[in-house]
C-alpha atoms as a PDB file:
ATOM      1  CA  MET A   1      22.699  15.531 -18.683  1.00  0.00           C
ATOM      2  CA  PRO A   2      20.995  12.393 -17.189  1.00  0.00           C
ATOM      3  CA  ARG A   3      17.229  12.346 -17.657  1.00  0.00           C
ATOM      4  CA  VAL A   4      14.615  11.508 -15.014  1.00  0.00           C
ATOM      5  CA  LEU A   5      11.080  10.522 -16.002  1.00  0.00           C
ATOM      6  CA  ILE A   6       8.340  11.418 -13.494  1.00  0.00           C
ATOM      7  CA  THR A   7       5.398   9.020 -13.901  1.00  0.00           C
ATOM      8  CA  PRO A   8       2.848   9.469 -11.027  1.00  0.00           C
ATOM      9  CA  ALA A   9      -0.355  10.913 -12.505  1.00  0.00           C
ATOM     10  CA  TYR A  10      -0.747  13.508  -9.747  1.00  0.00           C
ATOM     11  CA  LEU A  11       2.718  14.904 -10.521  1.00  0.00           C
ATOM     12  CA  GLN A  12       2.218  15.400 -14.245  1.00  0.00           C
ATOM     13  CA  GLY A  13       3.211  18.948 -15.175  1.00  0.00           C
ATOM     14  CA  VAL A  14       3.630  19.872 -11.511  1.00  0.00           C
ATOM     15  CA  GLU A  15       6.680  22.016 -10.796  1.00  0.00           C
ATOM     16  CA  GLY A  16       7.138  21.221  -7.124  1.00  0.00           C
ATOM     17  CA  ARG A  17      10.068  20.839  -4.771  1.00  0.00           C
ATOM     18  CA  HIS A  18      10.729  17.337  -6.184  1.00  0.00           C
ATOM     19  CA  CYS A  19      11.671  18.902  -9.535  1.00  0.00           C
ATOM     20  CA  GLU A  20      13.960  21.391  -7.819  1.00  0.00           C
ATOM     21  CA  ILE A  21      15.724  18.583  -5.957  1.00  0.00           C
ATOM     22  CA  LEU A  22      16.434  16.749  -9.202  1.00  0.00           C
ATOM     23  CA  ARG A  23      17.575  19.812 -11.131  1.00  0.00           C
ATOM     24  CA  GLU A  24      19.814  21.001  -8.304  1.00  0.00           C
ATOM     25  CA  ALA A  25      21.574  17.622  -8.537  1.00  0.00           C
ATOM     26  CA  GLY A  26      22.268  18.178 -12.250  1.00  0.00           C
ATOM     27  CA  LEU A  27      19.426  16.082 -13.617  1.00  0.00           C
ATOM     28  CA  ASP A  28      16.996  16.809 -16.444  1.00  0.00           C
ATOM     29  CA  VAL A  29      13.302  16.391 -15.579  1.00  0.00           C
ATOM     30  CA  CYS A  30      10.781  15.078 -18.096  1.00  0.00           C
ATOM     31  CA  PHE A  31       7.223  13.733 -18.126  1.00  0.00           C
ATOM     32  CA  PRO A  32       5.361  11.087 -20.162  1.00  0.00           C
ATOM     33  CA  ALA A  33       3.327  12.129 -23.170  1.00  0.00           C
ATOM     34  CA  PRO A  34      -0.093  13.491 -22.059  1.00  0.00           C
ATOM     35  CA  GLY A  35      -2.783  10.837 -21.579  1.00  0.00           C
ATOM     36  CA  MET A  36      -0.272   7.999 -21.669  1.00  0.00           C
ATOM     37  CA  ASP A  37      -1.362   4.846 -19.813  1.00  0.00           C
ATOM     38  CA  LEU A  38       1.960   3.471 -18.597  1.00  0.00           C
ATOM     39  CA  ARG A  39       0.362   0.278 -17.311  1.00  0.00           C
ATOM     40  CA  ASP A  40       0.747  -0.823 -20.949  1.00  0.00           C
ATOM     41  CA  THR A  41       4.263  -2.304 -21.031  1.00  0.00           C
ATOM     42  CA  GLY A  42       4.731  -1.421 -24.702  1.00  0.00           C
ATOM     43  CA  LEU A  43       3.956   2.232 -24.042  1.00  0.00           C
ATOM     44  CA  LEU A  44       6.129   2.203 -20.929  1.00  0.00           C
ATOM     45  CA  ILE A  45       9.106   0.837 -22.882  1.00  0.00           C
ATOM     46  CA  GLY A  46       8.670   3.617 -25.426  1.00  0.00           C
ATOM     47  CA  GLN A  47       8.580   6.334 -22.757  1.00  0.00           C
ATOM     48  CA  LEU A  48      11.724   4.979 -21.083  1.00  0.00           C
ATOM     49  CA  ALA A  49      13.861   5.416 -24.186  1.00  0.00           C
ATOM     50  CA  GLY A  50      16.856   7.577 -23.247  1.00  0.00           C
ATOM     51  CA  ILE A  51      15.801   7.722 -19.583  1.00  0.00           C
ATOM     52  CA  ASP A  52      18.388   7.153 -16.833  1.00  0.00           C
ATOM     53  CA  ALA A  53      16.140   7.191 -13.763  1.00  0.00           C
ATOM     54  CA  VAL A  54      12.440   7.134 -13.053  1.00  0.00           C
ATOM     55  CA  LEU A  55      10.468   8.637 -10.190  1.00  0.00           C
ATOM     56  CA  ALA A  56       7.953   5.831 -10.419  1.00  0.00           C
ATOM     57  CA  SER A  57       4.332   5.085  -9.679  1.00  0.00           C
ATOM     58  CA  ILE A  58       2.709   1.619  -9.952  1.00  0.00           C
ATOM     59  CA  GLU A  59       3.456   0.972 -13.648  1.00  0.00           C
ATOM     60  CA  PRO A  60       4.902  -2.538 -14.267  1.00  0.00           C
ATOM     61  CA  TYR A  61       8.689  -2.714 -14.346  1.00  0.00           C
ATOM     62  CA  THR A  62       8.839  -6.280 -15.625  1.00  0.00           C
ATOM     63  CA  ALA A  63      11.953  -8.078 -16.832  1.00  0.00           C
ATOM     64  CA  GLU A  64      10.930  -7.223 -20.411  1.00  0.00           C
ATOM     65  CA  VAL A  65      10.585  -3.527 -19.610  1.00  0.00           C
ATOM     66  CA  LEU A  66      13.843  -3.366 -17.665  1.00  0.00           C
ATOM     67  CA  GLU A  67      15.858  -5.213 -20.310  1.00  0.00           C
ATOM     68  CA  ALA A  68      14.627  -2.805 -22.988  1.00  0.00           C
ATOM     69  CA  SER A  69      15.612   0.245 -20.921  1.00  0.00           C
ATOM     70  CA  SER A  70      18.823   2.061 -20.020  1.00  0.00           C
ATOM     71  CA  LEU A  71      17.652   2.713 -16.459  1.00  0.00           C
ATOM     72  CA  ARG A  72      20.088   3.058 -13.579  1.00  0.00           C
ATOM     73  CA  VAL A  73      17.568   3.898 -10.833  1.00  0.00           C
ATOM     74  CA  ILE A  74      13.886   3.269 -10.086  1.00  0.00           C
ATOM     75  CA  SER A  75      12.698   5.338  -7.121  1.00  0.00           C
ATOM     76  CA  ARG A  76       9.180   4.328  -6.117  1.00  0.00           C
ATOM     77  CA  CYS A  77       6.913   7.095  -4.917  1.00  0.00           C
ATOM     78  CA  GLY A  78       5.580   4.970  -2.065  1.00  0.00           C
ATOM     79  CA  VAL A  79       6.531   2.133   0.257  1.00  0.00           C
ATOM     80  CA  GLY A  80       5.488  -0.858  -1.860  1.00  0.00           C
ATOM     81  CA  TYR A  81       7.610  -2.052  -4.750  1.00  0.00           C
ATOM     82  CA  ASP A  82       5.696  -5.125  -5.909  1.00  0.00           C
ATOM     83  CA  SER A  83       5.291  -3.542  -9.357  1.00  0.00           C
ATOM     84  CA  VAL A  84       9.068  -3.848  -9.842  1.00  0.00           C
ATOM     85  CA  ASP A  85      10.803  -7.112 -10.730  1.00  0.00           C
ATOM     86  CA  VAL A  86      13.552  -6.532  -8.170  1.00  0.00           C
ATOM     87  CA  ALA A  87      15.468  -9.686  -9.085  1.00  0.00           C
ATOM     88  CA  SER A  88      15.687  -8.597 -12.725  1.00  0.00           C
ATOM     89  CA  ALA A  89      16.579  -5.046 -11.712  1.00  0.00           C
ATOM     90  CA  THR A  90      19.405  -6.339  -9.540  1.00  0.00           C
ATOM     91  CA  ARG A  91      20.663  -8.616 -12.324  1.00  0.00           C
ATOM     92  CA  LEU A  92      20.711  -5.644 -14.686  1.00  0.00           C
ATOM     93  CA  GLY A  93      22.441  -3.326 -12.212  1.00  0.00           C
ATOM     94  CA  ILE A  94      19.406  -1.097 -11.587  1.00  0.00           C
ATOM     95  CA  LEU A  95      19.020   0.237  -8.064  1.00  0.00           C
ATOM     96  CA  VAL A  96      15.472   0.213  -6.663  1.00  0.00           C
ATOM     97  CA  ALA A  97      14.532   2.687  -3.925  1.00  0.00           C
ATOM     98  CA  ASN A  98      11.329   3.555  -2.086  1.00  0.00           C
ATOM     99  CA  THR A  99      10.017   6.125   0.389  1.00  0.00           C
ATOM    100  CA  PRO A 100       9.341   4.372   3.702  1.00  0.00           C
ATOM    101  CA  GLY A 101       7.670   6.177   6.573  1.00  0.00           C
ATOM    102  CA  VAL A 102       6.428   9.325   4.876  1.00  0.00           C
ATOM    103  CA  ASN A 103       2.827   8.161   4.419  1.00  0.00           C
ATOM    104  CA  LYS A 104       2.413   6.032   7.536  1.00  0.00           C
ATOM    105  CA  GLU A 105       0.005   8.455   9.219  1.00  0.00           C
ATOM    106  CA  GLY A 106      -2.157   8.721   6.104  1.00  0.00           C
ATOM    107  CA  VAL A 107      -2.446   4.955   5.650  1.00  0.00           C
ATOM    108  CA  ALA A 108      -3.201   4.472   9.338  1.00  0.00           C
ATOM    109  CA  GLU A 109      -5.958   7.104   9.224  1.00  0.00           C
ATOM    110  CA  HIS A 110      -7.411   5.417   6.144  1.00  0.00           C
ATOM    111  CA  ALA A 111      -7.392   1.994   7.808  1.00  0.00           C
ATOM    112  CA  VAL A 112      -9.226   3.358  10.853  1.00  0.00           C
ATOM    113  CA  ALA A 113     -11.682   5.233   8.628  1.00  0.00           C
ATOM    114  CA  LEU A 114     -12.539   1.958   6.888  1.00  0.00           C
ATOM    115  CA  MET A 115     -12.966   0.179  10.226  1.00  0.00           C
ATOM    116  CA  LEU A 116     -15.335   2.877  11.488  1.00  0.00           C
ATOM    117  CA  ALA A 117     -17.285   3.043   8.248  1.00  0.00           C
ATOM    118  CA  VAL A 118     -17.845  -0.714   8.037  1.00  0.00           C
ATOM    119  CA  ALA A 119     -18.641  -1.019  11.754  1.00  0.00           C
ATOM    120  CA  HIS A 120     -21.271   1.731  11.497  1.00  0.00           C
ATOM    121  CA  GLY A 121     -22.819   0.477   8.288  1.00  0.00           C
ATOM    122  CA  PHE A 122     -21.577   3.002   5.749  1.00  0.00           C
ATOM    123  CA  PRO A 123     -22.143   3.557   2.899  1.00  0.00           C
ATOM    124  CA  ARG A 124     -25.185   1.240   3.086  1.00  0.00           C
ATOM    125  CA  ARG A 125     -27.075   3.570   5.439  1.00  0.00           C
ATOM    126  CA  ASP A 126     -26.486   6.529   3.138  1.00  0.00           C
ATOM    127  CA  ARG A 127     -27.811   4.519   0.173  1.00  0.00           C
ATOM    128  CA  GLU A 128     -30.889   3.427   2.140  1.00  0.00           C
ATOM    129  CA  ILE A 129     -31.811   7.000   3.076  1.00  0.00           C
ATOM    130  CA  ARG A 130     -31.461   8.061  -0.563  1.00  0.00           C
ATOM    131  CA  ARG A 131     -33.947   5.284  -1.450  1.00  0.00           C
ATOM    132  CA  GLY A 132     -36.430   6.557   1.146  1.00  0.00           C
ATOM    133  CA  LEU A 133     -35.628   3.982   3.852  1.00  0.00           C
ATOM    134  CA  TRP A 134     -35.084   4.913   7.492  1.00  0.00           C
ATOM    135  CA  ASN A 135     -33.447   1.846   8.998  1.00  0.00           C
ATOM    136  CA  ARG A 136     -32.174   2.659  12.500  1.00  0.00           C
ATOM    137  CA  GLN A 137     -30.522  -0.699  13.087  1.00  0.00           C
ATOM    138  CA  ALA A 138     -28.196  -0.733  16.107  1.00  0.00           C
ATOM    139  CA  MET A 139     -24.656  -1.929  15.481  1.00  0.00           C
ATOM    140  CA  PRO A 140     -21.714  -2.739  17.788  1.00  0.00           C
ATOM    141  CA  ARG A 141     -19.351   0.072  18.726  1.00  0.00           C
ATOM    142  CA  LEU A 142     -15.606  -0.291  18.167  1.00  0.00           C
ATOM    143  CA  ALA A 143     -14.696   0.870  21.674  1.00  0.00           C
ATOM    144  CA  GLY A 144     -14.057  -2.177  23.837  1.00  0.00           C
ATOM    145  CA  ARG A 145     -13.544  -4.497  20.878  1.00  0.00           C
ATOM    146  CA  ILE A 146     -10.342  -6.224  19.808  1.00  0.00           C
ATOM    147  CA  VAL A 147      -8.436  -5.185  16.699  1.00  0.00           C
ATOM    148  CA  GLY A 148      -5.822  -7.566  15.321  1.00  0.00           C
ATOM    149  CA  LEU A 149      -3.032  -5.988  13.282  1.00  0.00           C
ATOM    150  CA  VAL A 150      -1.248  -8.357  10.930  1.00  0.00           C
ATOM    151  CA  GLY A 151       2.082  -6.571  10.630  1.00  0.00           C
ATOM    152  CA  LEU A 152       3.465  -4.102  13.165  1.00  0.00           C
ATOM    153  CA  GLY A 153       5.849  -2.027  11.089  1.00  0.00           C
ATOM    154  CA  ALA A 154       5.658   1.754  10.799  1.00  0.00           C
ATOM    155  CA  ILE A 155       2.083   1.778   9.473  1.00  0.00           C
ATOM    156  CA  GLY A 156       0.920  -0.950  11.833  1.00  0.00           C
ATOM    157  CA  ARG A 157       2.264   0.981  14.815  1.00  0.00           C
ATOM    158  CA  GLU A 158       0.510   4.187  13.727  1.00  0.00           C
ATOM    159  CA  THR A 159      -2.716   2.221  13.303  1.00  0.00           C
ATOM    160  CA  ALA A 160      -2.297   0.704  16.758  1.00  0.00           C
ATOM    161  CA  LEU A 161      -2.035   4.141  18.380  1.00  0.00           C
ATOM    162  CA  ARG A 162      -5.221   5.335  16.671  1.00  0.00           C
ATOM    163  CA  CYS A 163      -7.136   2.181  17.589  1.00  0.00           C
ATOM    164  CA  ARG A 164      -6.098   2.512  21.212  1.00  0.00           C
ATOM    165  CA  ALA A 165      -7.358   6.107  21.156  1.00  0.00           C
ATOM    166  CA  LEU A 166     -10.750   4.713  20.104  1.00  0.00           C
ATOM    167  CA  GLY A 167     -10.772   2.500  23.192  1.00  0.00           C
ATOM    168  CA  MET A 168      -9.953  -0.721  21.380  1.00  0.00           C
ATOM    169  CA  THR A 169      -7.748  -3.536  22.661  1.00  0.00           C
ATOM    170  CA  VAL A 170      -4.870  -4.025  20.228  1.00  0.00           C
ATOM    171  CA  ILE A 171      -3.229  -7.348  19.425  1.00  0.00           C
ATOM    172  CA  ALA A 172      -0.704  -7.965  16.652  1.00  0.00           C
ATOM    173  CA  ALA A 173       1.037 -10.757  14.774  1.00  0.00           C
ATOM    174  CA  ASP A 174       4.502  -9.984  13.436  1.00  0.00           C
ATOM    175  CA  PRO A 175       7.599 -12.125  14.079  1.00  0.00           C
ATOM    176  CA  ALA A 176       9.804  -9.061  13.514  1.00  0.00           C
ATOM    177  CA  ALA A 177       7.808  -6.751  15.790  1.00  0.00           C
ATOM    178  CA  ASP A 178       9.557  -4.300  18.085  1.00  0.00           C
ATOM    179  CA  LYS A 179       8.730  -6.014  21.373  1.00  0.00           C
ATOM    180  CA  SER A 180       9.740  -3.043  23.494  1.00  0.00           C
ATOM    181  CA  TRP A 181       7.466  -0.697  21.537  1.00  0.00           C
ATOM    182  CA  ALA A 182       4.606  -3.194  21.777  1.00  0.00           C
ATOM    183  CA  ALA A 183       4.981  -3.511  25.546  1.00  0.00           C
ATOM    184  CA  GLU A 184       5.193   0.264  26.028  1.00  0.00           C
ATOM    185  CA  ASN A 185       2.033   0.793  23.968  1.00  0.00           C
ATOM    186  CA  ALA A 186      -0.098  -2.045  25.384  1.00  0.00           C
ATOM    187  CA  VAL A 187      -0.032  -4.118  22.181  1.00  0.00           C
ATOM    188  CA  SER A 188      -0.123  -7.855  22.818  1.00  0.00           C
ATOM    189  CA  LEU A 189       1.928  -9.954  20.385  1.00  0.00           C
ATOM    190  CA  LEU A 190       0.313 -13.241  19.358  1.00  0.00           C
ATOM    191  CA  ASP A 191       0.740 -15.911  16.711  1.00  0.00           C
ATOM    192  CA  MET A 192      -1.445 -15.574  13.621  1.00  0.00           C
ATOM    193  CA  ASP A 193      -3.971 -18.276  14.524  1.00  0.00           C
ATOM    194  CA  SER A 194      -4.572 -16.812  17.983  1.00  0.00           C
ATOM    195  CA  LEU A 195      -5.010 -13.336  16.515  1.00  0.00           C
ATOM    196  CA  LEU A 196      -7.581 -14.511  13.978  1.00  0.00           C
ATOM    197  CA  GLU A 197      -9.543 -16.350  16.639  1.00  0.00           C
ATOM    198  CA  GLN A 198      -9.663 -13.379  19.027  1.00  0.00           C
ATOM    199  CA  ALA A 199      -9.964 -10.262  16.848  1.00  0.00           C
ATOM    200  CA  ASP A 200     -13.242  -8.493  16.123  1.00  0.00           C
ATOM    201  CA  VAL A 201     -11.432  -6.483  13.429  1.00  0.00           C
ATOM    202  CA  VAL A 202      -8.452  -7.767  11.411  1.00  0.00           C
ATOM    203  CA  SER A 203      -6.347  -5.167   9.588  1.00  0.00           C
ATOM    204  CA  LEU A 204      -3.487  -6.026   7.202  1.00  0.00           C
ATOM    205  CA  HIS A 205      -0.186  -4.114   7.260  1.00  0.00           C
ATOM    206  CA  LEU A 206       2.265  -6.396   5.446  1.00  0.00           C
ATOM    207  CA  PRO A 207       4.314  -5.963   2.254  1.00  0.00           C
ATOM    208  CA  ALA A 208       3.562  -8.070  -0.819  1.00  0.00           C
ATOM    209  CA  THR A 209       6.225 -10.776  -1.033  1.00  0.00           C
ATOM    210  CA  ARG A 210       6.382 -14.400  -2.134  1.00  0.00           C
ATOM    211  CA  GLU A 211       5.835 -15.401   1.484  1.00  0.00           C
ATOM    212  CA  THR A 212       2.750 -13.214   1.999  1.00  0.00           C
ATOM    213  CA  ALA A 213       1.047 -13.858  -1.372  1.00  0.00           C
ATOM    214  CA  GLY A 214      -2.460 -15.228  -0.787  1.00  0.00           C
ATOM    215  CA  LEU A 215      -1.879 -15.261   2.981  1.00  0.00           C
ATOM    216  CA  PHE A 216      -5.560 -14.570   3.609  1.00  0.00           C
ATOM    217  CA  GLY A 217      -7.581 -17.322   1.978  1.00  0.00           C
ATOM    218  CA  ALA A 218     -10.388 -19.684   2.960  1.00  0.00           C
ATOM    219  CA  MET A 219      -8.499 -21.139   5.943  1.00  0.00           C
ATOM    220  CA  ALA A 220      -7.680 -17.727   7.418  1.00  0.00           C
ATOM    221  CA  PHE A 221     -11.230 -16.434   7.008  1.00  0.00           C
ATOM    222  CA  ALA A 222     -12.602 -19.652   8.542  1.00  0.00           C
ATOM    223  CA  ARG A 223     -10.520 -19.013  11.676  1.00  0.00           C
ATOM    224  CA  MET A 224     -11.887 -15.498  12.153  1.00  0.00           C
ATOM    225  CA  LYS A 225     -14.758 -14.728  14.507  1.00  0.00           C
ATOM    226  CA  PRO A 226     -18.255 -14.880  12.995  1.00  0.00           C
ATOM    227  CA  GLY A 227     -19.211 -11.339  12.046  1.00  0.00           C
ATOM    228  CA  ALA A 228     -15.639 -10.002  12.205  1.00  0.00           C
ATOM    229  CA  ILE A 229     -14.555  -7.059  10.064  1.00  0.00           C
ATOM    230  CA  PHE A 230     -11.670  -7.419   7.591  1.00  0.00           C
ATOM    231  CA  VAL A 231      -9.621  -4.379   6.461  1.00  0.00           C
ATOM    232  CA  ASN A 232      -6.882  -4.314   3.836  1.00  0.00           C
ATOM    233  CA  THR A 233      -4.874  -1.154   3.135  1.00  0.00           C
ATOM    234  CA  ALA A 234      -1.686  -3.107   2.344  1.00  0.00           C
ATOM    235  CA  ARG A 235      -1.676  -4.968  -0.989  1.00  0.00           C
ATOM    236  CA  GLY A 236      -4.327  -6.906  -2.878  1.00  0.00           C
ATOM    237  CA  GLY A 237      -1.972  -9.811  -3.472  1.00  0.00           C
ATOM    238  CA  LEU A 238      -2.173 -10.741   0.214  1.00  0.00           C
ATOM    239  CA  VAL A 239      -5.777 -11.872  -0.242  1.00  0.00           C
ATOM    240  CA  ASP A 240      -7.566 -14.637  -2.121  1.00  0.00           C
ATOM    241  CA  GLU A 241     -10.436 -12.460  -3.314  1.00  0.00           C
ATOM    242  CA  SER A 242     -12.687 -15.411  -4.230  1.00  0.00           C
ATOM    243  CA  ALA A 243     -12.400 -16.719  -0.674  1.00  0.00           C
ATOM    244  CA  LEU A 244     -13.103 -13.226   0.666  1.00  0.00           C
ATOM    245  CA  VAL A 245     -16.252 -12.920  -1.457  1.00  0.00           C
ATOM    246  CA  ASP A 246     -17.430 -16.304  -0.160  1.00  0.00           C
ATOM    247  CA  ALA A 247     -16.802 -15.273   3.460  1.00  0.00           C
ATOM    248  CA  LEU A 248     -18.728 -12.021   2.985  1.00  0.00           C
ATOM    249  CA  ARG A 249     -21.668 -13.592   1.165  1.00  0.00           C
ATOM    250  CA  SER A 250     -22.003 -16.424   3.666  1.00  0.00           C
ATOM    251  CA  GLY A 251     -22.091 -14.006   6.598  1.00  0.00           C
ATOM    252  CA  LYS A 252     -18.928 -15.477   8.101  1.00  0.00           C
ATOM    253  CA  LEU A 253     -17.508 -11.959   7.933  1.00  0.00           C
ATOM    254  CA  GLY A 254     -19.625  -9.014   8.975  1.00  0.00           C
ATOM    255  CA  GLY A 255     -17.994  -6.740   6.444  1.00  0.00           C
ATOM    256  CA  ALA A 256     -14.794  -5.661   4.754  1.00  0.00           C
ATOM    257  CA  GLY A 257     -13.093  -2.359   4.055  1.00  0.00           C
ATOM    258  CA  LEU A 258     -10.793  -2.720   1.039  1.00  0.00           C
ATOM    259  CA  ASP A 259      -8.413  -0.140  -0.400  1.00  0.00           C
ATOM    260  CA  VAL A 260      -6.318  -2.516  -2.521  1.00  0.00           C
ATOM    261  CA  PHE A 261      -7.041  -5.316  -4.981  1.00  0.00           C
ATOM    262  CA  GLN A 262      -5.258  -7.958  -7.010  1.00  0.00           C
ATOM    263  CA  GLN A 263      -6.072  -6.038 -10.186  1.00  0.00           C
ATOM    264  CA  GLU A 264      -6.270  -2.250 -10.145  1.00  0.00           C
ATOM    265  CA  PRO A 265      -8.452  -0.575 -11.276  1.00  0.00           C
ATOM    266  CA  LEU A 266     -11.005  -3.159 -10.188  1.00  0.00           C
ATOM    267  CA  PRO A 267     -12.610  -4.820 -13.258  1.00  0.00           C
ATOM    268  CA  PRO A 268     -16.257  -3.801 -13.768  1.00  0.00           C
ATOM    269  CA  ASP A 269     -17.419  -7.424 -13.487  1.00  0.00           C
ATOM    270  CA  HIS A 270     -15.523  -8.221 -10.298  1.00  0.00           C
ATOM    271  CA  PRO A 271     -17.644 -10.159  -7.741  1.00  0.00           C
ATOM    272  CA  LEU A 272     -16.707  -7.761  -4.943  1.00  0.00           C
ATOM    273  CA  LEU A 273     -18.775  -5.056  -6.643  1.00  0.00           C
ATOM    274  CA  ALA A 274     -21.914  -7.112  -6.029  1.00  0.00           C
ATOM    275  CA  VAL A 275     -21.245  -7.673  -2.319  1.00  0.00           C
ATOM    276  CA  ASP A 276     -23.251  -5.270  -0.151  1.00  0.00           C
ATOM    277  CA  ASN A 277     -21.097  -5.611   2.968  1.00  0.00           C
ATOM    278  CA  ALA A 278     -17.831  -4.624   1.270  1.00  0.00           C
ATOM    279  CA  LEU A 279     -16.715  -0.986   1.308  1.00  0.00           C
ATOM    280  CA  LEU A 280     -14.339  -0.324  -1.593  1.00  0.00           C
ATOM    281  CA  CYS A 281     -11.762   2.440  -2.143  1.00  0.00           C
ATOM    282  CA  PRO A 282      -9.446   3.118  -5.141  1.00  0.00           C
ATOM    283  CA  HIS A 283      -6.079   2.588  -3.376  1.00  0.00           C
ATOM    284  CA  MET A 284      -6.213   5.918  -1.523  1.00  0.00           C
ATOM    285  CA  GLY A 285      -4.354   5.021   1.684  1.00  0.00           C
ATOM    286  CA  GLY A 286      -1.386   7.358   2.045  1.00  0.00           C
ATOM    287  CA  LEU A 287      -2.526   9.642  -0.761  1.00  0.00           C
ATOM    288  CA  ASP A 288      -3.392  12.560   1.470  1.00  0.00           C
ATOM    289  CA  LEU A 289      -1.940  15.845   0.270  1.00  0.00           C
ATOM    290  CA  THR A 290       0.832  15.947   2.859  1.00  0.00           C
ATOM    291  CA  SER A 291       1.944  12.384   2.147  1.00  0.00           C
ATOM    292  CA  ARG A 292       1.909  12.868  -1.624  1.00  0.00           C
ATOM    293  CA  GLU A 293       4.248  15.830  -1.409  1.00  0.00           C
ATOM    294  CA  ALA A 294       6.554  14.081   1.064  1.00  0.00           C
ATOM    295  CA  MET A 295       6.727  10.920  -1.074  1.00  0.00           C
ATOM    296  CA  ALA A 296       7.542  12.877  -4.225  1.00  0.00           C
ATOM    297  CA  ASN A 297      10.289  14.822  -2.475  1.00  0.00           C
ATOM    298  CA  LEU A 298      11.869  11.754  -0.884  1.00  0.00           C
ATOM    299  CA  ALA A 299      11.694   9.769  -4.141  1.00  0.00           C
ATOM    300  CA  ALA A 300      13.492  12.674  -5.838  1.00  0.00           C
ATOM    301  CA  GLU A 301      16.072  12.791  -3.039  1.00  0.00           C
ATOM    302  CA  ASN A 302      16.844   9.099  -3.591  1.00  0.00           C
ATOM    303  CA  ILE A 303      17.695   9.753  -7.251  1.00  0.00           C
ATOM    304  CA  ALA A 304      19.599  12.959  -6.506  1.00  0.00           C
ATOM    305  CA  GLU A 305      21.724  11.366  -3.780  1.00  0.00           C
ATOM    306  CA  LEU A 306      22.644   8.433  -6.004  1.00  0.00           C
ATOM    307  CA  HIS A 307      23.614  10.756  -8.833  1.00  0.00           C
ATOM    308  CA  LEU A 308      25.818  12.715  -6.429  1.00  0.00           C
ATOM    309  CA  GLY A 309      27.573   9.565  -5.259  1.00  0.00           C
ATOM    310  CA  ARG A 310      25.762   9.093  -1.953  1.00  0.00           C
ATOM    311  CA  ARG A 311      23.872   5.972  -0.879  1.00  0.00           C
ATOM    312  CA  PRO A 312      20.466   6.312   0.840  1.00  0.00           C
ATOM    313  CA  GLU A 313      20.998   2.803   2.252  1.00  0.00           C
ATOM    314  CA  ARG A 314      17.860   2.646   4.395  1.00  0.00           C
ATOM    315  CA  ARG A 315      15.717   3.405   1.356  1.00  0.00           C
ATOM    316  CA  LEU A 316      17.340   0.961  -1.086  1.00  0.00           C
ATOM    317  CA  VAL A 317      15.368  -2.205  -1.764  1.00  0.00           C
ATOM    318  CA  ASN A 318      18.317  -4.046  -3.343  1.00  0.00           C
ATOM    319  CA  ALA A 319      20.992  -2.470  -1.158  1.00  0.00           C
ATOM    320  CA  GLU A 320      23.331  -5.396  -1.810  1.00  0.00           C
ATOM    321  CA  LEU A 321      23.918  -3.877  -5.244  1.00  0.00           C
ATOM    322  CA  ALA A 322      24.863  -0.423  -3.939  1.00  0.00           C
ATOM    323  CA  HIS A 323      28.496  -1.068  -3.047  1.00  0.00           C
ATOM    324  CA  GLU A 324      29.533  -1.990  -6.587  1.00  0.00           C
ATOM    325  CA  TRP A 325      26.969   0.164  -8.379  1.00  0.00           C
ATOM    326  CA  THR A 326      27.913   3.286 -10.324  1.00  0.00           C
ATOM    327  CA  TRP A 327      25.718   5.770 -12.154  1.00  0.00           C
END
């Protein structure tokens, strides 16, 4: 019986619907050894011995890991797949799948929560009160301001709807944007430079690819409005963090709300930890309870369908492999 390893920490030992989906498809479910840190590639290789498919988290599926495995499928419990060397997986005949769309509302809520928190001075105001200070400094409201969404995919569109509900003007930069949807929902499509120059809040909603790596560096931050707010719930690799720290410390940016980083967990000596106008979160966008369950179930469905000879084409990252691929 083919074996499926379930790696997300929040699913360890959990007998949910995702397990039922796998077992009903004739698959054996197993979990890593307790306390195992699968970010260590050596430990990950050891846990993948005899495993045919993995319902995966953010552990690193490098070329070394993949070549040492007998994997046929990696189904990411989430939208991003930057932790997987897709080129190596394709070369080795390993299908890579993800779970698009199921956490879009959760990520959008998180992005807006960060915008509101930074705009209203949290958590700094909370810390001041705890130190005995009572600083009633007025700050700009978000209503009537311009939010620029870099990326207008499923998450970007959900974020746009929530920003409009707050009374914000929404602009977006995305060459692949659905122009009809944008027109129907009063979202103006602009080029990147124009967006950066006009937006009071810039929020990232792009995947991590070779083309988007380091997209936001010193030049991008220099183009933004003085005092603008920067929000990233996408991927840390989109941002040059040194340039971001400089922009925050200099006052060029009014603040930042960050859910993702180049290295996660964030190292204890990282400069962002010493920046007062940065609000930091441990990659929580899309990890609401509803989204977690939906992602686990859909990731399991990907594996089950492939084992049963079906192709979840829309959820395959390297779909070009699917036509000649066999379990």
